[in-house]
Amino acid sequence: MNADEPDPILLKRELIRSRSNRAQRVGYIAYGLATIGFFLGLFTSFSPTLVTFVIAMLIVGSVILAIAIQVGYAIRGAERHEEDSIAMRQVRRETRDASE
């Protein structure tokens, strides 16, 4: 790999992060639509179509958010692990250099 080329792992991680963030927004929008539908039904009347819509938005939001949040935590965990590994290698290098 050339020093001028970006790291493919970091590029892939950033792509996954952006998709996860987008999925979280979609999940929260689905929850928002479910809330709006619920209050619309509360102040008017709960038609079977409206009830189906609210339930569907809750299910869609829950599924999308569950996956997106887990992926977001995995990305942050990978970054933390990478930072810790770099720090540990630096400490080992400094310890080795000091003992020589």
PDB file of N, CA and C in Angstrom:
ATOM      1  N   MET A   1       0.839  -1.176   0.000  1.00  0.00           N
ATOM      2  CA  MET A   1       0.000   0.000   0.000  1.00  0.00           C
ATOM      3  C   MET A   1       0.887   1.242   0.000  1.00  0.00           C
ATOM      4  N   ASN A   2       0.578   2.179  -0.835  1.00  0.00           N
ATOM      5  CA  ASN A   2       1.306   3.431  -0.954  1.00  0.00           C
ATOM      6  C   ASN A   2       0.886   4.371   0.175  1.00  0.00           C
ATOM      7  N   ALA A   3       1.812   5.207   0.639  1.00  0.00           N
ATOM      8  CA  ALA A   3       1.502   6.134   1.729  1.00  0.00           C
ATOM      9  C   ALA A   3       0.470   7.169   1.304  1.00  0.00           C
ATOM     10  N   ASP A   4       0.354   7.433   0.000  1.00  0.00           N
ATOM     11  CA  ASP A   4      -0.603   8.418  -0.485  1.00  0.00           C
ATOM     12  C   ASP A   4      -2.023   7.866  -0.556  1.00  0.00           C
ATOM     13  N   GLU A   5      -2.164   6.549  -0.605  1.00  0.00           N
ATOM     14  CA  GLU A   5      -3.480   5.929  -0.711  1.00  0.00           C
ATOM     15  C   GLU A   5      -4.133   5.864   0.666  1.00  0.00           C
ATOM     16  N   PRO A   6      -5.432   6.142   0.731  1.00  0.00           N
ATOM     17  CA  PRO A   6      -6.126   6.018   2.021  1.00  0.00           C
ATOM     18  C   PRO A   6      -6.259   4.551   2.423  1.00  0.00           C
ATOM     19  N   ASP A   7      -6.310   4.328   3.708  1.00  0.00           N
ATOM     20  CA  ASP A   7      -6.440   2.973   4.234  1.00  0.00           C
ATOM     21  C   ASP A   7      -7.819   2.415   3.857  1.00  0.00           C
ATOM     22  N   PRO A   8      -7.889   1.268   3.177  1.00  0.00           N
ATOM     23  CA  PRO A   8      -9.192   0.732   2.764  1.00  0.00           C
ATOM     24  C   PRO A   8     -10.082   0.348   3.944  1.00  0.00           C
ATOM     25  N   ILE A   9      -9.471  -0.043   5.045  1.00  0.00           N
ATOM     26  CA  ILE A   9     -10.269  -0.395   6.227  1.00  0.00           C
ATOM     27  C   ILE A   9     -10.936   0.850   6.793  1.00  0.00           C
ATOM     28  N   LEU A  10     -10.192   1.961   6.843  1.00  0.00           N
ATOM     29  CA  LEU A  10     -10.775   3.204   7.340  1.00  0.00           C
ATOM     30  C   LEU A  10     -11.870   3.711   6.403  1.00  0.00           C
ATOM     31  N   LEU A  11     -11.671   3.548   5.110  1.00  0.00           N
ATOM     32  CA  LEU A  11     -12.707   3.945   4.153  1.00  0.00           C
ATOM     33  C   LEU A  11     -13.977   3.114   4.340  1.00  0.00           C
ATOM     34  N   LYS A  12     -13.807   1.815   4.496  1.00  0.00           N
ATOM     35  CA  LYS A  12     -14.950   0.921   4.695  1.00  0.00           C
ATOM     36  C   LYS A  12     -15.656   1.247   6.012  1.00  0.00           C
ATOM     37  N   ARG A  13     -14.880   1.519   7.055  1.00  0.00           N
ATOM     38  CA  ARG A  13     -15.445   1.864   8.355  1.00  0.00           C
ATOM     39  C   ARG A  13     -16.268   3.154   8.258  1.00  0.00           C
ATOM     40  N   GLU A  14     -15.762   4.121   7.520  1.00  0.00           N
ATOM     41  CA  GLU A  14     -16.480   5.394   7.365  1.00  0.00           C
ATOM     42  C   GLU A  14     -17.765   5.200   6.559  1.00  0.00           C
ATOM     43  N   LEU A  15     -17.718   4.332   5.544  1.00  0.00           N
ATOM     44  CA  LEU A  15     -18.916   4.025   4.768  1.00  0.00           C
ATOM     45  C   LEU A  15     -19.977   3.374   5.660  1.00  0.00           C
ATOM     46  N   ILE A  16     -19.556   2.432   6.487  1.00  0.00           N
ATOM     47  CA  ILE A  16     -20.489   1.756   7.390  1.00  0.00           C
ATOM     48  C   ILE A  16     -21.044   2.741   8.406  1.00  0.00           C
ATOM     49  N   ARG A  17     -20.185   3.646   8.909  1.00  0.00           N
ATOM     50  CA  ARG A  17     -20.648   4.645   9.880  1.00  0.00           C
ATOM     51  C   ARG A  17     -21.714   5.552   9.258  1.00  0.00           C
ATOM     52  N   SER A  18     -21.483   6.001   8.030  1.00  0.00           N
ATOM     53  CA  SER A  18     -22.453   6.905   7.397  1.00  0.00           C
ATOM     54  C   SER A  18     -23.783   6.184   7.148  1.00  0.00           C
ATOM     55  N   ARG A  19     -23.709   4.915   6.738  1.00  0.00           N
ATOM     56  CA  ARG A  19     -24.947   4.156   6.537  1.00  0.00           C
ATOM     57  C   ARG A  19     -25.671   3.904   7.855  1.00  0.00           C
ATOM     58  N   SER A  20     -24.912   3.656   8.906  1.00  0.00           N
ATOM     59  CA  SER A  20     -25.513   3.454  10.219  1.00  0.00           C
ATOM     60  C   SER A  20     -26.200   4.728  10.703  1.00  0.00           C
ATOM     61  N   ASN A  21     -25.547   5.857  10.521  1.00  0.00           N
ATOM     62  CA  ASN A  21     -26.156   7.133  10.916  1.00  0.00           C
ATOM     63  C   ASN A  21     -27.426   7.403  10.121  1.00  0.00           C
ATOM     64  N   ARG A  22     -27.391   7.115   8.831  1.00  0.00           N
ATOM     65  CA  ARG A  22     -28.575   7.309   7.988  1.00  0.00           C
ATOM     66  C   ARG A  22     -29.699   6.380   8.439  1.00  0.00           C
ATOM     67  N   ALA A  23     -29.366   5.141   8.751  1.00  0.00           N
ATOM     68  CA  ALA A  23     -30.374   4.180   9.214  1.00  0.00           C
ATOM     69  C   ALA A  23     -30.972   4.622  10.549  1.00  0.00           C
ATOM     70  N   GLN A  24     -30.156   5.188  11.421  1.00  0.00           N
ATOM     71  CA  GLN A  24     -30.684   5.687  12.689  1.00  0.00           C
ATOM     72  C   GLN A  24     -31.679   6.820  12.445  1.00  0.00           C
ATOM     73  N   ARG A  25     -31.350   7.714  11.518  1.00  0.00           N
ATOM     74  CA  ARG A  25     -32.285   8.799  11.201  1.00  0.00           C
ATOM     75  C   ARG A  25     -33.604   8.236  10.676  1.00  0.00           C
ATOM     76  N   VAL A  26     -33.525   7.236   9.801  1.00  0.00           N
ATOM     77  CA  VAL A  26     -34.735   6.622   9.254  1.00  0.00           C
ATOM     78  C   VAL A  26     -35.543   5.969  10.374  1.00  0.00           C
ATOM     79  N   GLY A  27     -34.868   5.291  11.289  1.00  0.00           N
ATOM     80  CA  GLY A  27     -35.560   4.655  12.410  1.00  0.00           C
ATOM     81  C   GLY A  27     -36.257   5.662  13.300  1.00  0.00           C
ATOM     82  N   TYR A  28     -35.589   6.758  13.600  1.00  0.00           N
ATOM     83  CA  TYR A  28     -36.214   7.788  14.433  1.00  0.00           C
ATOM     84  C   TYR A  28     -37.353   8.488  13.688  1.00  0.00           C
ATOM     85  N   ILE A  29     -37.218   8.641  12.384  1.00  0.00           N
ATOM     86  CA  ILE A  29     -38.330   9.208  11.599  1.00  0.00           C
ATOM     87  C   ILE A  29     -39.536   8.275  11.662  1.00  0.00           C
ATOM     88  N   ALA A  30     -39.299   6.972  11.573  1.00  0.00           N
ATOM     89  CA  ALA A  30     -40.400   6.010  11.676  1.00  0.00           C
ATOM     90  C   ALA A  30     -41.081   6.120  13.039  1.00  0.00           C
ATOM     91  N   TYR A  31     -40.294   6.270  14.111  1.00  0.00           N
ATOM     92  CA  TYR A  31     -40.888   6.481  15.442  1.00  0.00           C
ATOM     93  C   TYR A  31     -41.688   7.777  15.484  1.00  0.00           C
ATOM     94  N   GLY A  32     -41.145   8.818  14.863  1.00  0.00           N
ATOM     95  CA  GLY A  32     -41.856  10.090  14.829  1.00  0.00           C
ATOM     96  C   GLY A  32     -43.177   9.975  14.090  1.00  0.00           C
ATOM     97  N   LEU A  33     -43.171   9.271  12.962  1.00  0.00           N
ATOM     98  CA  LEU A  33     -44.417   9.068  12.214  1.00  0.00           C
ATOM     99  C   LEU A  33     -45.414   8.249  13.027  1.00  0.00           C
ATOM    100  N   ALA A  34     -44.924   7.257  13.754  1.00  0.00           N
ATOM    101  CA  ALA A  34     -45.806   6.458  14.610  1.00  0.00           C
ATOM    102  C   ALA A  34     -46.419   7.331  15.700  1.00  0.00           C
ATOM    103  N   THR A  35     -45.629   8.227  16.263  1.00  0.00           N
ATOM    104  CA  THR A  35     -46.134   9.119  17.305  1.00  0.00           C
ATOM    105  C   THR A  35     -47.180  10.074  16.739  1.00  0.00           C
ATOM    106  N   ILE A  36     -46.889  10.642  15.586  1.00  0.00           N
ATOM    107  CA  ILE A  36     -47.853  11.545  14.947  1.00  0.00           C
ATOM    108  C   ILE A  36     -49.146  10.792  14.630  1.00  0.00           C
ATOM    109  N   GLY A  37     -49.015   9.595  14.092  1.00  0.00           N
ATOM    110  CA  GLY A  37     -50.199   8.787  13.793  1.00  0.00           C
ATOM    111  C   GLY A  37     -50.991   8.459  15.044  1.00  0.00           C
ATOM    112  N   PHE A  38     -50.303   8.150  16.131  1.00  0.00           N
ATOM    113  CA  PHE A  38     -50.985   7.834  17.382  1.00  0.00           C
ATOM    114  C   PHE A  38     -51.792   9.027  17.880  1.00  0.00           C
ATOM    115  N   PHE A  39     -51.148  10.199  17.917  1.00  0.00           N
ATOM    116  CA  PHE A  39     -51.867  11.374  18.414  1.00  0.00           C
ATOM    117  C   PHE A  39     -52.971  11.809  17.464  1.00  0.00           C
ATOM    118  N   LEU A  40     -52.773  11.601  16.180  1.00  0.00           N
ATOM    119  CA  LEU A  40     -53.835  11.874  15.218  1.00  0.00           C
ATOM    120  C   LEU A  40     -55.048  10.997  15.525  1.00  0.00           C
ATOM    121  N   GLY A  41     -54.800   9.725  15.774  1.00  0.00           N
ATOM    122  CA  GLY A  41     -55.887   8.810  16.125  1.00  0.00           C
ATOM    123  C   GLY A  41     -56.492   9.123  17.471  1.00  0.00           C
ATOM    124  N   LEU A  42     -55.675   9.590  18.403  1.00  0.00           N
ATOM    125  CA  LEU A  42     -56.163   9.922  19.740  1.00  0.00           C
ATOM    126  C   LEU A  42     -57.129  11.098  19.688  1.00  0.00           C
ATOM    127  N   PHE A  43     -56.848  12.073  18.857  1.00  0.00           N
ATOM    128  CA  PHE A  43     -57.684  13.266  18.783  1.00  0.00           C
ATOM    129  C   PHE A  43     -58.824  13.142  17.782  1.00  0.00           C
ATOM    130  N   THR A  44     -58.763  12.164  16.894  1.00  0.00           N
ATOM    131  CA  THR A  44     -59.864  11.949  15.945  1.00  0.00           C
ATOM    132  C   THR A  44     -60.475  10.592  16.257  1.00  0.00           C
ATOM    133  N   SER A  45     -60.151   9.592  15.481  1.00  0.00           N
ATOM    134  CA  SER A  45     -60.606   8.232  15.781  1.00  0.00           C
ATOM    135  C   SER A  45     -59.577   7.261  15.206  1.00  0.00           C
ATOM    136  N   PHE A  46     -59.425   6.156  15.896  1.00  0.00           N
ATOM    137  CA  PHE A  46     -58.465   5.147  15.460  1.00  0.00           C
ATOM    138  C   PHE A  46     -59.111   4.246  14.414  1.00  0.00           C
ATOM    139  N   SER A  47     -58.832   4.527  13.166  1.00  0.00           N
ATOM    140  CA  SER A  47     -59.318   3.649  12.103  1.00  0.00           C
ATOM    141  C   SER A  47     -58.371   2.449  12.025  1.00  0.00           C
ATOM    142  N   PRO A  48     -58.849   1.338  11.485  1.00  0.00           N
ATOM    143  CA  PRO A  48     -57.959   0.180  11.348  1.00  0.00           C
ATOM    144  C   PRO A  48     -56.701   0.490  10.522  1.00  0.00           C
ATOM    145  N   THR A  49     -56.843   1.344   9.526  1.00  0.00           N
ATOM    146  CA  THR A  49     -55.689   1.720   8.703  1.00  0.00           C
ATOM    147  C   THR A  49     -54.666   2.489   9.527  1.00  0.00           C
ATOM    148  N   LEU A  50     -55.136   3.405  10.347  1.00  0.00           N
ATOM    149  CA  LEU A  50     -54.234   4.199  11.181  1.00  0.00           C
ATOM    150  C   LEU A  50     -53.533   3.327  12.216  1.00  0.00           C
ATOM    151  N   VAL A  51     -54.254   2.411  12.809  1.00  0.00           N
ATOM    152  CA  VAL A  51     -53.657   1.494  13.784  1.00  0.00           C
ATOM    153  C   VAL A  51     -52.583   0.640  13.116  1.00  0.00           C
ATOM    154  N   THR A  52     -52.874   0.149  11.924  1.00  0.00           N
ATOM    155  CA  THR A  52     -51.899  -0.641  11.177  1.00  0.00           C
ATOM    156  C   THR A  52     -50.665   0.192  10.854  1.00  0.00           C
ATOM    157  N   PHE A  53     -50.872   1.442  10.457  1.00  0.00           N
ATOM    158  CA  PHE A  53     -49.766   2.338  10.151  1.00  0.00           C
ATOM    159  C   PHE A  53     -48.887   2.564  11.380  1.00  0.00           C
ATOM    160  N   VAL A  54     -49.500   2.848  12.523  1.00  0.00           N
ATOM    161  CA  VAL A  54     -48.738   3.096  13.754  1.00  0.00           C
ATOM    162  C   VAL A  54     -47.937   1.863  14.146  1.00  0.00           C
ATOM    163  N   ILE A  55     -48.560   0.707  14.110  1.00  0.00           N
ATOM    164  CA  ILE A  55     -47.863  -0.527  14.474  1.00  0.00           C
ATOM    165  C   ILE A  55     -46.730  -0.808  13.491  1.00  0.00           C
ATOM    166  N   ALA A  56     -46.984  -0.618  12.207  1.00  0.00           N
ATOM    167  CA  ALA A  56     -45.947  -0.863  11.200  1.00  0.00           C
ATOM    168  C   ALA A  56     -44.762   0.074  11.403  1.00  0.00           C
ATOM    169  N   MET A  57     -45.018   1.344  11.684  1.00  0.00           N
ATOM    170  CA  MET A  57     -43.925   2.298  11.906  1.00  0.00           C
ATOM    171  C   MET A  57     -43.130   1.945  13.171  1.00  0.00           C
ATOM    172  N   LEU A  58     -43.806   1.476  14.204  1.00  0.00           N
ATOM    173  CA  LEU A  58     -43.096   1.053  15.414  1.00  0.00           C
ATOM    174  C   LEU A  58     -42.204  -0.154  15.138  1.00  0.00           C
ATOM    175  N   ILE A  59     -42.710  -1.100  14.377  1.00  0.00           N
ATOM    176  CA  ILE A  59     -41.917  -2.292  14.052  1.00  0.00           C
ATOM    177  C   ILE A  59     -40.731  -1.926  13.161  1.00  0.00           C
ATOM    178  N   VAL A  60     -40.999  -1.153  12.113  1.00  0.00           N
ATOM    179  CA  VAL A  60     -39.920  -0.748  11.196  1.00  0.00           C
ATOM    180  C   VAL A  60     -38.859   0.045  11.950  1.00  0.00           C
ATOM    181  N   GLY A  61     -39.295   1.007  12.761  1.00  0.00           N
ATOM    182  CA  GLY A  61     -38.344   1.814  13.534  1.00  0.00           C
ATOM    183  C   GLY A  61     -37.526   0.968  14.489  1.00  0.00           C
ATOM    184  N   SER A  62     -38.170   0.017  15.138  1.00  0.00           N
ATOM    185  CA  SER A  62     -37.462  -0.827  16.104  1.00  0.00           C
ATOM    186  C   SER A  62     -36.413  -1.703  15.421  1.00  0.00           C
ATOM    187  N   VAL A  63     -36.780  -2.312  14.322  1.00  0.00           N
ATOM    188  CA  VAL A  63     -35.843  -3.203  13.620  1.00  0.00           C
ATOM    189  C   VAL A  63     -34.655  -2.400  13.084  1.00  0.00           C
ATOM    190  N   ILE A  64     -34.950  -1.300  12.414  1.00  0.00           N
ATOM    191  CA  ILE A  64     -33.877  -0.499  11.827  1.00  0.00           C
ATOM    192  C   ILE A  64     -32.969   0.071  12.912  1.00  0.00           C
ATOM    193  N   LEU A  65     -33.566   0.614  13.967  1.00  0.00           N
ATOM    194  CA  LEU A  65     -32.746   1.199  15.029  1.00  0.00           C
ATOM    195  C   LEU A  65     -31.911   0.161  15.763  1.00  0.00           C
ATOM    196  N   ALA A  66     -32.476  -1.003  16.010  1.00  0.00           N
ATOM    197  CA  ALA A  66     -31.715  -2.039  16.723  1.00  0.00           C
ATOM    198  C   ALA A  66     -30.433  -2.384  15.966  1.00  0.00           C
ATOM    199  N   ILE A  67     -30.563  -2.557  14.673  1.00  0.00           N
ATOM    200  CA  ILE A  67     -29.393  -2.904  13.865  1.00  0.00           C
ATOM    201  C   ILE A  67     -28.433  -1.726  13.769  1.00  0.00           C
ATOM    202  N   ALA A  68     -28.958  -0.542  13.482  1.00  0.00           N
ATOM    203  CA  ALA A  68     -28.110   0.637  13.284  1.00  0.00           C
ATOM    204  C   ALA A  68     -27.348   1.013  14.553  1.00  0.00           C
ATOM    205  N   ILE A  69     -27.985   0.921  15.699  1.00  0.00           N
ATOM    206  CA  ILE A  69     -27.319   1.263  16.957  1.00  0.00           C
ATOM    207  C   ILE A  69     -26.210   0.258  17.255  1.00  0.00           C
ATOM    208  N   GLN A  70     -26.483  -1.024  17.033  1.00  0.00           N
ATOM    209  CA  GLN A  70     -25.452  -2.041  17.262  1.00  0.00           C
ATOM    210  C   GLN A  70     -24.250  -1.835  16.339  1.00  0.00           C
ATOM    211  N   VAL A  71     -24.502  -1.510  15.093  1.00  0.00           N
ATOM    212  CA  VAL A  71     -23.404  -1.265  14.145  1.00  0.00           C
ATOM    213  C   VAL A  71     -22.612  -0.036  14.582  1.00  0.00           C
ATOM    214  N   GLY A  72     -23.306   1.005  15.037  1.00  0.00           N
ATOM    215  CA  GLY A  72     -22.614   2.206  15.523  1.00  0.00           C
ATOM    216  C   GLY A  72     -21.699   1.899  16.703  1.00  0.00           C
ATOM    217  N   TYR A  73     -22.198   1.096  17.644  1.00  0.00           N
ATOM    218  CA  TYR A  73     -21.359   0.705  18.779  1.00  0.00           C
ATOM    219  C   TYR A  73     -20.172  -0.139  18.320  1.00  0.00           C
ATOM    220  N   ALA A  74     -20.381  -1.004  17.347  1.00  0.00           N
ATOM    221  CA  ALA A  74     -19.287  -1.842  16.841  1.00  0.00           C
ATOM    222  C   ALA A  74     -18.199  -0.985  16.199  1.00  0.00           C
ATOM    223  N   ILE A  75     -18.586   0.028  15.449  1.00  0.00           N
ATOM    224  CA  ILE A  75     -17.608   0.920  14.820  1.00  0.00           C
ATOM    225  C   ILE A  75     -16.809   1.661  15.883  1.00  0.00           C
ATOM    226  N   ARG A  76     -17.510   2.197  16.880  1.00  0.00           N
ATOM    227  CA  ARG A  76     -16.797   2.910  17.958  1.00  0.00           C
ATOM    228  C   ARG A  76     -15.884   1.962  18.731  1.00  0.00           C
ATOM    229  N   GLY A  77     -16.324   0.736  18.955  1.00  0.00           N
ATOM    230  CA  GLY A  77     -15.490  -0.248  19.637  1.00  0.00           C
ATOM    231  C   GLY A  77     -14.242  -0.588  18.838  1.00  0.00           C
ATOM    232  N   ALA A  78     -14.402  -0.719  17.534  1.00  0.00           N
ATOM    233  CA  ALA A  78     -13.244  -1.007  16.679  1.00  0.00           C
ATOM    234  C   ALA A  78     -12.242   0.140  16.716  1.00  0.00           C
ATOM    235  N   GLU A  79     -12.749   1.367  16.701  1.00  0.00           N
ATOM    236  CA  GLU A  79     -11.849   2.520  16.768  1.00  0.00           C
ATOM    237  C   GLU A  79     -11.125   2.582  18.112  1.00  0.00           C
ATOM    238  N   ARG A  80     -11.863   2.331  19.178  1.00  0.00           N
ATOM    239  CA  ARG A  80     -11.258   2.333  20.508  1.00  0.00           C
ATOM    240  C   ARG A  80     -10.187   1.256  20.618  1.00  0.00           C
ATOM    241  N   HIS A  81     -10.488   0.071  20.093  1.00  0.00           N
ATOM    242  CA  HIS A  81      -9.525  -1.027  20.122  1.00  0.00           C
ATOM    243  C   HIS A  81      -8.271  -0.661  19.329  1.00  0.00           C
ATOM    244  N   GLU A  82      -8.469  -0.056  18.176  1.00  0.00           N
ATOM    245  CA  GLU A  82      -7.333   0.339  17.351  1.00  0.00           C
ATOM    246  C   GLU A  82      -6.473   1.388  18.058  1.00  0.00           C
ATOM    247  N   GLU A  83      -7.128   2.371  18.691  1.00  0.00           N
ATOM    248  CA  GLU A  83      -6.378   3.394  19.429  1.00  0.00           C
ATOM    249  C   GLU A  83      -5.603   2.777  20.589  1.00  0.00           C
ATOM    250  N   ASP A  84      -6.231   1.856  21.322  1.00  0.00           N
ATOM    251  CA  ASP A  84      -5.560   1.190  22.437  1.00  0.00           C
ATOM    252  C   ASP A  84      -4.373   0.364  21.946  1.00  0.00           C
ATOM    253  N   SER A  85      -4.549  -0.312  20.815  1.00  0.00           N
ATOM    254  CA  SER A  85      -3.457  -1.121  20.260  1.00  0.00           C
ATOM    255  C   SER A  85      -2.277  -0.245  19.857  1.00  0.00           C
ATOM    256  N   ILE A  86      -2.572   0.885  19.243  1.00  0.00           N
ATOM    257  CA  ILE A  86      -1.505   1.813  18.847  1.00  0.00           C
ATOM    258  C   ILE A  86      -0.789   2.339  20.078  1.00  0.00           C
ATOM    259  N   ALA A  87      -1.555   2.686  21.114  1.00  0.00           N
ATOM    260  CA  ALA A  87      -0.951   3.201  22.344  1.00  0.00           C
ATOM    261  C   ALA A  87      -0.083   2.136  23.013  1.00  0.00           C
ATOM    262  N   MET A  88      -0.555   0.895  23.037  1.00  0.00           N
ATOM    263  CA  MET A  88       0.228  -0.179  23.656  1.00  0.00           C
ATOM    264  C   MET A  88       1.513  -0.436  22.876  1.00  0.00           C
ATOM    265  N   ARG A  89       1.463  -0.399  21.553  1.00  0.00           N
ATOM    266  CA  ARG A  89       2.687  -0.581  20.759  1.00  0.00           C
ATOM    267  C   ARG A  89       3.671   0.545  21.034  1.00  0.00           C
ATOM    268  N   GLN A  90       3.162   1.747  21.194  1.00  0.00           N
ATOM    269  CA  GLN A  90       4.028   2.893  21.487  1.00  0.00           C
ATOM    270  C   GLN A  90       4.695   2.721  22.857  1.00  0.00           C
ATOM    271  N   VAL A  91       3.934   2.275  23.849  1.00  0.00           N
ATOM    272  CA  VAL A  91       4.493   2.063  25.191  1.00  0.00           C
ATOM    273  C   VAL A  91       5.548   0.969  25.144  1.00  0.00           C
ATOM    274  N   ARG A  92       5.280  -0.118  24.433  1.00  0.00           N
ATOM    275  CA  ARG A  92       6.250  -1.206  24.328  1.00  0.00           C
ATOM    276  C   ARG A  92       7.521  -0.728  23.626  1.00  0.00           C
ATOM    277  N   ARG A  93       7.356   0.064  22.582  1.00  0.00           N
ATOM    278  CA  ARG A  93       8.523   0.591  21.854  1.00  0.00           C
ATOM    279  C   ARG A  93       9.340   1.497  22.761  1.00  0.00           C
ATOM    280  N   GLU A  94       8.682   2.366  23.519  1.00  0.00           N
ATOM    281  CA  GLU A  94       9.404   3.263  24.419  1.00  0.00           C
ATOM    282  C   GLU A  94      10.094   2.489  25.527  1.00  0.00           C
ATOM    283  N   THR A  95       9.443   1.453  26.047  1.00  0.00           N
ATOM    284  CA  THR A  95      10.032   0.617  27.094  1.00  0.00           C
ATOM    285  C   THR A  95      11.261  -0.119  26.550  1.00  0.00           C
ATOM    286  N   ARG A  96      11.115  -0.661  25.349  1.00  0.00           N
ATOM    287  CA  ARG A  96      12.224  -1.388  24.731  1.00  0.00           C
ATOM    288  C   ARG A  96      13.390  -0.432  24.455  1.00  0.00           C
ATOM    289  N   ASP A  97      13.104   0.759  23.949  1.00  0.00           N
ATOM    290  CA  ASP A  97      14.170   1.725  23.669  1.00  0.00           C
ATOM    291  C   ASP A  97      14.866   2.195  24.939  1.00  0.00           C
ATOM    292  N   ALA A  98      14.108   2.318  26.029  1.00  0.00           N
ATOM    293  CA  ALA A  98      14.694   2.767  27.286  1.00  0.00           C
ATOM    294  C   ALA A  98      15.602   1.699  27.904  1.00  0.00           C
ATOM    295  N   SER A  99      15.249   0.422  27.670  1.00  0.00           N
ATOM    296  CA  SER A  99      16.047  -0.648  28.260  1.00  0.00           C
ATOM    297  C   SER A  99      17.331  -0.924  27.469  1.00  0.00           C
ATOM    298  N   GLU A 100      17.420  -0.424  26.261  1.00  0.00           N
ATOM    299  CA  GLU A 100      18.616  -0.677  25.435  1.00  0.00           C
ATOM    300  C   GLU A 100      19.722   0.264  25.708  1.00  0.00           C
TER     301      GLU A 100
END
